[in-house]
Amino acid sequence: MTDNSEIHTVDDCMKVSEVLARVGDKWSILVIAALGERPHRFNELKRVIVGVSQRMLTLTVRGLERDGFITRTVTPSIPPRVDYALTELGQSVLLPARAMGEWALENRATVDAARQAFDAALAGQNKI
């Protein structure tokens, strides 16, 4: 999709959008990053990913599992043990996800400055 001479159909764009929506989601990126370190149990993920609610984490891991990025392994015990791990597909998105995270950290101050400048300009326009 990098060749500008190619013609892309609406269907192509929708398929790309669906995948990017999954891997580009705030919580999905954080789950993928956490599982890139090692497999985690659900409550470990909840502790590692600050701010995620139980419901949102449940929806996120289900979506990632459905789309083939993670596996869910249940070990019969009392209580049952459930581990989440990256699949080969999940591993393949780990490097780009980490790169985006690093880019965000490196450019956070620039984004904040742009927001402040925009908000100040907008406030100045509203005074007129």
N, C-alpha and C. Protein backbone atom coordinates (compact mmCIF):
# COMPACT_ATOMS: atom_id res chain seq x y z
N MET A 1 0.81 -1.20 0.00
CA MET A 1 0.00 0.00 0.00
C MET A 1 0.85 1.26 0.00
N THR A 2 2.16 1.12 -0.16
CA THR A 2 3.01 2.30 -0.17
C THR A 2 3.21 2.85 -1.56
N ASP A 3 2.88 2.08 -2.60
CA ASP A 3 3.01 2.55 -3.97
C ASP A 3 1.82 3.44 -4.29
N ASN A 4 2.09 4.72 -4.52
CA ASN A 4 1.01 5.69 -4.77
C ASN A 4 0.30 5.45 -6.09
N SER A 5 0.90 4.64 -6.98
CA SER A 5 0.26 4.41 -8.27
C SER A 5 -0.83 3.36 -8.18
N GLU A 6 -0.88 2.61 -7.08
CA GLU A 6 -1.91 1.59 -6.91
C GLU A 6 -3.26 2.25 -6.64
N ILE A 7 -4.30 1.61 -7.11
CA ILE A 7 -5.65 2.08 -6.83
C ILE A 7 -6.20 1.20 -5.71
N HIS A 8 -6.64 1.83 -4.65
CA HIS A 8 -7.16 1.10 -3.51
C HIS A 8 -8.67 1.23 -3.48
N THR A 9 -9.30 0.13 -3.24
CA THR A 9 -10.76 0.14 -3.18
C THR A 9 -11.21 0.56 -1.79
N VAL A 10 -12.47 0.90 -1.70
CA VAL A 10 -13.06 1.23 -0.41
C VAL A 10 -12.93 0.03 0.52
N ASP A 11 -13.10 -1.16 -0.02
CA ASP A 11 -12.99 -2.38 0.78
C ASP A 11 -11.58 -2.52 1.36
N ASP A 12 -10.54 -2.22 0.55
CA ASP A 12 -9.16 -2.26 1.05
C ASP A 12 -8.99 -1.30 2.22
N CYS A 13 -9.48 -0.09 2.05
CA CYS A 13 -9.34 0.92 3.08
C CYS A 13 -10.07 0.52 4.36
N MET A 14 -11.23 -0.07 4.22
CA MET A 14 -11.99 -0.50 5.39
C MET A 14 -11.27 -1.61 6.13
N LYS A 15 -10.67 -2.55 5.39
CA LYS A 15 -9.93 -3.65 6.02
C LYS A 15 -8.72 -3.12 6.77
N VAL A 16 -8.00 -2.19 6.18
CA VAL A 16 -6.84 -1.59 6.84
C VAL A 16 -7.30 -0.82 8.08
N SER A 17 -8.38 -0.08 7.96
CA SER A 17 -8.91 0.68 9.10
C SER A 17 -9.27 -0.22 10.26
N GLU A 18 -9.87 -1.38 9.96
CA GLU A 18 -10.25 -2.31 11.02
C GLU A 18 -9.03 -2.81 11.79
N VAL A 19 -7.99 -3.19 11.05
CA VAL A 19 -6.78 -3.70 11.70
C VAL A 19 -6.10 -2.58 12.49
N LEU A 20 -5.99 -1.40 11.90
CA LEU A 20 -5.36 -0.29 12.61
C LEU A 20 -6.15 0.13 13.84
N ALA A 21 -7.46 0.03 13.76
CA ALA A 21 -8.29 0.35 14.93
C ALA A 21 -7.98 -0.61 16.08
N ARG A 22 -7.73 -1.87 15.76
CA ARG A 22 -7.43 -2.85 16.81
C ARG A 22 -6.03 -2.59 17.39
N VAL A 23 -5.02 -2.55 16.54
CA VAL A 23 -3.65 -2.45 17.07
C VAL A 23 -3.31 -1.02 17.49
N GLY A 24 -4.03 -0.04 16.99
CA GLY A 24 -3.76 1.35 17.34
C GLY A 24 -4.52 1.84 18.54
N ASP A 25 -5.42 1.02 19.04
CA ASP A 25 -6.20 1.37 20.21
C ASP A 25 -5.28 1.53 21.42
N LYS A 26 -5.56 2.53 22.22
CA LYS A 26 -4.74 2.84 23.40
C LYS A 26 -4.49 1.61 24.27
N TRP A 27 -5.54 0.89 24.61
CA TRP A 27 -5.38 -0.25 25.52
C TRP A 27 -4.72 -1.43 24.82
N SER A 28 -5.02 -1.63 23.54
CA SER A 28 -4.39 -2.74 22.81
C SER A 28 -2.89 -2.58 22.75
N ILE A 29 -2.44 -1.37 22.47
CA ILE A 29 -1.00 -1.10 22.41
C ILE A 29 -0.35 -1.44 23.75
N LEU A 30 -0.99 -1.04 24.84
CA LEU A 30 -0.42 -1.29 26.16
C LEU A 30 -0.44 -2.77 26.52
N VAL A 31 -1.48 -3.49 26.13
CA VAL A 31 -1.53 -4.94 26.36
C VAL A 31 -0.44 -5.63 25.55
N ILE A 32 -0.31 -5.27 24.29
CA ILE A 32 0.72 -5.86 23.44
C ILE A 32 2.11 -5.60 24.01
N ALA A 33 2.33 -4.37 24.46
CA ALA A 33 3.65 -4.03 25.04
C ALA A 33 3.91 -4.86 26.30
N ALA A 34 2.91 -5.00 27.15
CA ALA A 34 3.09 -5.78 28.38
C ALA A 34 3.37 -7.24 28.06
N LEU A 35 2.63 -7.79 27.12
CA LEU A 35 2.82 -9.20 26.77
C LEU A 35 4.10 -9.42 25.97
N GLY A 36 4.67 -8.34 25.46
CA GLY A 36 5.96 -8.45 24.77
C GLY A 36 7.08 -8.79 25.73
N GLU A 37 6.88 -8.46 26.99
CA GLU A 37 7.87 -8.79 28.02
C GLU A 37 7.81 -10.27 28.37
N ARG A 38 6.59 -10.77 28.56
CA ARG A 38 6.36 -12.17 28.94
C ARG A 38 4.85 -12.38 29.03
N PRO A 39 4.38 -13.64 29.08
CA PRO A 39 2.95 -13.88 29.30
C PRO A 39 2.53 -13.33 30.66
N HIS A 40 1.28 -12.92 30.75
CA HIS A 40 0.72 -12.38 31.99
C HIS A 40 -0.64 -13.00 32.27
N ARG A 41 -0.97 -13.06 33.53
CA ARG A 41 -2.33 -13.39 33.95
C ARG A 41 -3.14 -12.09 33.87
N PHE A 42 -4.47 -12.23 33.87
CA PHE A 42 -5.35 -11.07 33.73
C PHE A 42 -5.06 -10.00 34.78
N ASN A 43 -5.01 -10.39 36.05
CA ASN A 43 -4.79 -9.41 37.11
C ASN A 43 -3.40 -8.78 37.05
N GLU A 44 -2.42 -9.52 36.53
CA GLU A 44 -1.10 -8.93 36.32
C GLU A 44 -1.19 -7.82 35.27
N LEU A 45 -1.91 -8.10 34.20
CA LEU A 45 -2.10 -7.08 33.16
C LEU A 45 -2.80 -5.85 33.74
N LYS A 46 -3.80 -6.09 34.57
CA LYS A 46 -4.54 -4.98 35.17
C LYS A 46 -3.64 -4.12 36.05
N ARG A 47 -2.71 -4.75 36.76
CA ARG A 47 -1.78 -3.98 37.60
C ARG A 47 -0.75 -3.23 36.77
N VAL A 48 -0.29 -3.85 35.69
CA VAL A 48 0.75 -3.25 34.85
C VAL A 48 0.20 -2.09 34.03
N ILE A 49 -1.04 -2.21 33.57
CA ILE A 49 -1.64 -1.19 32.71
C ILE A 49 -2.45 -0.24 33.58
N VAL A 50 -1.81 0.82 33.99
CA VAL A 50 -2.41 1.77 34.92
C VAL A 50 -3.60 2.47 34.25
N GLY A 51 -4.73 2.47 34.97
CA GLY A 51 -5.90 3.21 34.51
C GLY A 51 -6.92 2.40 33.75
N VAL A 52 -6.59 1.18 33.36
CA VAL A 52 -7.56 0.39 32.61
C VAL A 52 -8.57 -0.24 33.58
N SER A 53 -9.84 -0.17 33.21
CA SER A 53 -10.87 -0.80 34.03
C SER A 53 -10.91 -2.30 33.70
N GLN A 54 -11.50 -3.06 34.60
CA GLN A 54 -11.62 -4.49 34.36
C GLN A 54 -12.42 -4.76 33.09
N ARG A 55 -13.50 -4.03 32.92
CA ARG A 55 -14.35 -4.21 31.73
C ARG A 55 -13.57 -3.90 30.45
N MET A 56 -12.84 -2.79 30.44
CA MET A 56 -12.10 -2.41 29.24
C MET A 56 -10.98 -3.40 28.94
N LEU A 57 -10.32 -3.89 29.98
CA LEU A 57 -9.27 -4.88 29.76
C LEU A 57 -9.87 -6.18 29.22
N THR A 58 -11.02 -6.57 29.75
CA THR A 58 -11.69 -7.77 29.25
C THR A 58 -12.04 -7.62 27.77
N LEU A 59 -12.62 -6.48 27.40
CA LEU A 59 -12.97 -6.24 26.00
C LEU A 59 -11.72 -6.22 25.11
N THR A 60 -10.65 -5.63 25.62
CA THR A 60 -9.42 -5.52 24.85
C THR A 60 -8.78 -6.88 24.61
N VAL A 61 -8.64 -7.69 25.67
CA VAL A 61 -8.01 -9.00 25.46
C VAL A 61 -8.88 -9.91 24.59
N ARG A 62 -10.20 -9.78 24.72
CA ARG A 62 -11.09 -10.58 23.85
C ARG A 62 -10.92 -10.18 22.39
N GLY A 63 -10.86 -8.88 22.14
CA GLY A 63 -10.67 -8.41 20.76
C GLY A 63 -9.33 -8.83 20.20
N LEU A 64 -8.28 -8.72 21.01
CA LEU A 64 -6.95 -9.13 20.55
C LEU A 64 -6.88 -10.63 20.31
N GLU A 65 -7.57 -11.39 21.15
CA GLU A 65 -7.61 -12.85 20.95
C GLU A 65 -8.40 -13.18 19.68
N ARG A 66 -9.52 -12.54 19.51
CA ARG A 66 -10.36 -12.78 18.32
C ARG A 66 -9.60 -12.49 17.04
N ASP A 67 -8.80 -11.42 17.06
CA ASP A 67 -8.07 -11.02 15.86
C ASP A 67 -6.74 -11.74 15.71
N GLY A 68 -6.42 -12.65 16.63
CA GLY A 68 -5.23 -13.48 16.47
C GLY A 68 -3.93 -12.91 17.00
N PHE A 69 -4.00 -11.83 17.80
CA PHE A 69 -2.79 -11.21 18.32
C PHE A 69 -2.31 -11.85 19.63
N ILE A 70 -3.24 -12.42 20.39
CA ILE A 70 -2.87 -13.05 21.66
C ILE A 70 -3.58 -14.39 21.80
N THR A 71 -3.02 -15.22 22.67
CA THR A 71 -3.66 -16.48 23.02
C THR A 71 -4.08 -16.40 24.48
N ARG A 72 -5.11 -17.17 24.78
CA ARG A 72 -5.62 -17.28 26.15
C ARG A 72 -5.53 -18.75 26.51
N THR A 73 -4.73 -19.05 27.52
CA THR A 73 -4.54 -20.43 27.93
C THR A 73 -5.09 -20.63 29.33
N VAL A 74 -6.03 -21.56 29.47
CA VAL A 74 -6.63 -21.87 30.76
C VAL A 74 -5.98 -23.13 31.29
N THR A 75 -5.40 -23.03 32.50
CA THR A 75 -4.82 -24.19 33.17
C THR A 75 -5.80 -24.61 34.26
N PRO A 76 -6.29 -25.87 34.17
CA PRO A 76 -7.25 -26.31 35.19
C PRO A 76 -6.59 -26.39 36.56
N SER A 77 -7.07 -25.59 37.45
CA SER A 77 -6.61 -25.59 38.84
C SER A 77 -7.71 -24.91 39.64
N ILE A 78 -7.50 -24.80 40.92
CA ILE A 78 -8.49 -24.11 41.76
C ILE A 78 -7.77 -22.93 42.41
N PRO A 79 -8.08 -21.70 42.08
CA PRO A 79 -8.95 -21.29 40.97
C PRO A 79 -8.25 -21.52 39.63
N PRO A 80 -9.03 -21.54 38.54
CA PRO A 80 -8.41 -21.75 37.22
C PRO A 80 -7.39 -20.66 36.92
N ARG A 81 -6.30 -21.03 36.28
CA ARG A 81 -5.26 -20.07 35.91
C ARG A 81 -5.43 -19.75 34.43
N VAL A 82 -5.49 -18.46 34.12
CA VAL A 82 -5.63 -18.01 32.73
C VAL A 82 -4.44 -17.13 32.40
N ASP A 83 -3.69 -17.52 31.37
CA ASP A 83 -2.53 -16.76 30.93
C ASP A 83 -2.76 -16.23 29.52
N TYR A 84 -2.27 -15.03 29.29
CA TYR A 84 -2.33 -14.40 27.97
C TYR A 84 -0.91 -14.25 27.45
N ALA A 85 -0.72 -14.53 26.16
CA ALA A 85 0.59 -14.42 25.53
C ALA A 85 0.42 -13.94 24.10
N LEU A 86 1.47 -13.34 23.56
CA LEU A 86 1.42 -12.91 22.16
C LEU A 86 1.56 -14.11 21.24
N THR A 87 0.83 -14.07 20.15
CA THR A 87 0.99 -15.05 19.08
C THR A 87 2.12 -14.56 18.17
N GLU A 88 2.39 -15.29 17.12
CA GLU A 88 3.39 -14.84 16.13
C GLU A 88 2.94 -13.51 15.51
N LEU A 89 1.65 -13.39 15.24
CA LEU A 89 1.11 -12.14 14.71
C LEU A 89 1.29 -11.01 15.71
N GLY A 90 1.02 -11.28 16.99
CA GLY A 90 1.21 -10.29 18.04
C GLY A 90 2.66 -9.87 18.16
N GLN A 91 3.57 -10.84 18.05
CA GLN A 91 5.00 -10.51 18.08
C GLN A 91 5.39 -9.61 16.91
N SER A 92 4.76 -9.83 15.76
CA SER A 92 5.10 -9.05 14.57
C SER A 92 4.69 -7.59 14.68
N VAL A 93 3.69 -7.29 15.51
CA VAL A 93 3.25 -5.91 15.67
C VAL A 93 3.95 -5.23 16.85
N LEU A 94 4.68 -6.00 17.63
CA LEU A 94 5.34 -5.48 18.82
C LEU A 94 6.36 -4.39 18.47
N LEU A 95 7.20 -4.62 17.49
CA LEU A 95 8.21 -3.62 17.12
C LEU A 95 7.59 -2.31 16.65
N PRO A 96 6.62 -2.32 15.72
CA PRO A 96 5.98 -1.05 15.34
C PRO A 96 5.24 -0.39 16.51
N ALA A 97 4.63 -1.19 17.38
CA ALA A 97 3.92 -0.61 18.53
C ALA A 97 4.90 0.08 19.47
N ARG A 98 6.02 -0.57 19.73
CA ARG A 98 7.03 0.05 20.59
C ARG A 98 7.60 1.31 19.94
N ALA A 99 7.79 1.27 18.63
CA ALA A 99 8.30 2.45 17.92
C ALA A 99 7.34 3.62 18.06
N MET A 100 6.04 3.36 17.95
CA MET A 100 5.05 4.43 18.11
C MET A 100 5.06 4.97 19.54
N GLY A 101 5.20 4.08 20.51
CA GLY A 101 5.28 4.51 21.90
C GLY A 101 6.49 5.39 22.16
N GLU A 102 7.63 4.98 21.62
CA GLU A 102 8.86 5.78 21.78
C GLU A 102 8.70 7.12 21.09
N TRP A 103 8.11 7.12 19.89
CA TRP A 103 7.89 8.37 19.17
C TRP A 103 7.00 9.30 19.99
N ALA A 104 5.95 8.75 20.58
CA ALA A 104 5.02 9.55 21.39
C ALA A 104 5.75 10.17 22.58
N LEU A 105 6.60 9.39 23.24
CA LEU A 105 7.36 9.92 24.37
C LEU A 105 8.31 11.03 23.93
N GLU A 106 8.99 10.81 22.82
CA GLU A 106 9.96 11.79 22.32
C GLU A 106 9.29 13.08 21.87
N ASN A 107 8.07 13.00 21.40
CA ASN A 107 7.40 14.17 20.82
C ASN A 107 6.29 14.74 21.68
N ARG A 108 6.15 14.24 22.90
CA ARG A 108 5.08 14.69 23.78
C ARG A 108 5.16 16.20 24.05
N ALA A 109 6.35 16.71 24.32
CA ALA A 109 6.50 18.14 24.60
C ALA A 109 6.11 18.99 23.38
N THR A 110 6.47 18.54 22.20
CA THR A 110 6.12 19.27 20.98
C THR A 110 4.62 19.28 20.77
N VAL A 111 3.97 18.16 21.01
CA VAL A 111 2.51 18.08 20.89
C VAL A 111 1.85 18.99 21.92
N ASP A 112 2.35 18.97 23.16
CA ASP A 112 1.80 19.84 24.21
C ASP A 112 1.94 21.31 23.83
N ALA A 113 3.10 21.69 23.28
CA ALA A 113 3.32 23.08 22.87
C ALA A 113 2.37 23.48 21.75
N ALA A 114 2.16 22.57 20.80
CA ALA A 114 1.24 22.85 19.69
C ALA A 114 -0.18 23.03 20.21
N ARG A 115 -0.58 22.19 21.15
CA ARG A 115 -1.92 22.31 21.73
C ARG A 115 -2.09 23.64 22.45
N GLN A 116 -1.10 24.02 23.23
CA GLN A 116 -1.17 25.29 23.96
C GLN A 116 -1.25 26.46 23.01
N ALA A 117 -0.46 26.43 21.93
CA ALA A 117 -0.49 27.52 20.95
C ALA A 117 -1.85 27.58 20.26
N PHE A 118 -2.37 26.44 19.90
CA PHE A 118 -3.68 26.37 19.25
C PHE A 118 -4.77 26.91 20.18
N ASP A 119 -4.78 26.43 21.43
CA ASP A 119 -5.79 26.86 22.39
C ASP A 119 -5.69 28.36 22.66
N ALA A 120 -4.46 28.89 22.75
CA ALA A 120 -4.27 30.32 22.99
C ALA A 120 -4.79 31.13 21.79
N ALA A 121 -4.51 30.67 20.57
CA ALA A 121 -4.99 31.36 19.38
C ALA A 121 -6.50 31.31 19.32
N LEU A 122 -7.08 30.18 19.66
CA LEU A 122 -8.53 30.04 19.64
C LEU A 122 -9.17 30.94 20.70
N ALA A 123 -8.57 31.01 21.88
CA ALA A 123 -9.08 31.89 22.93
C ALA A 123 -9.01 33.35 22.49
N GLY A 124 -7.93 33.71 21.79
CA GLY A 124 -7.78 35.07 21.28
C GLY A 124 -8.83 35.42 20.25
N GLN A 125 -9.23 34.45 19.43
CA GLN A 125 -10.27 34.67 18.43
C GLN A 125 -11.63 34.84 19.07
N ASN A 126 -11.86 34.14 20.17
CA ASN A 126 -13.16 34.20 20.84
C ASN A 126 -13.35 35.52 21.59
N LYS A 127 -12.27 36.25 21.86
CA LYS A 127 -12.37 37.53 22.56
C LYS A 127 -12.85 38.64 21.62
N ILE A 128 -12.71 38.43 20.33
CA ILE A 128 -13.07 39.47 19.36
C ILE A 128 -14.55 39.48 19.12
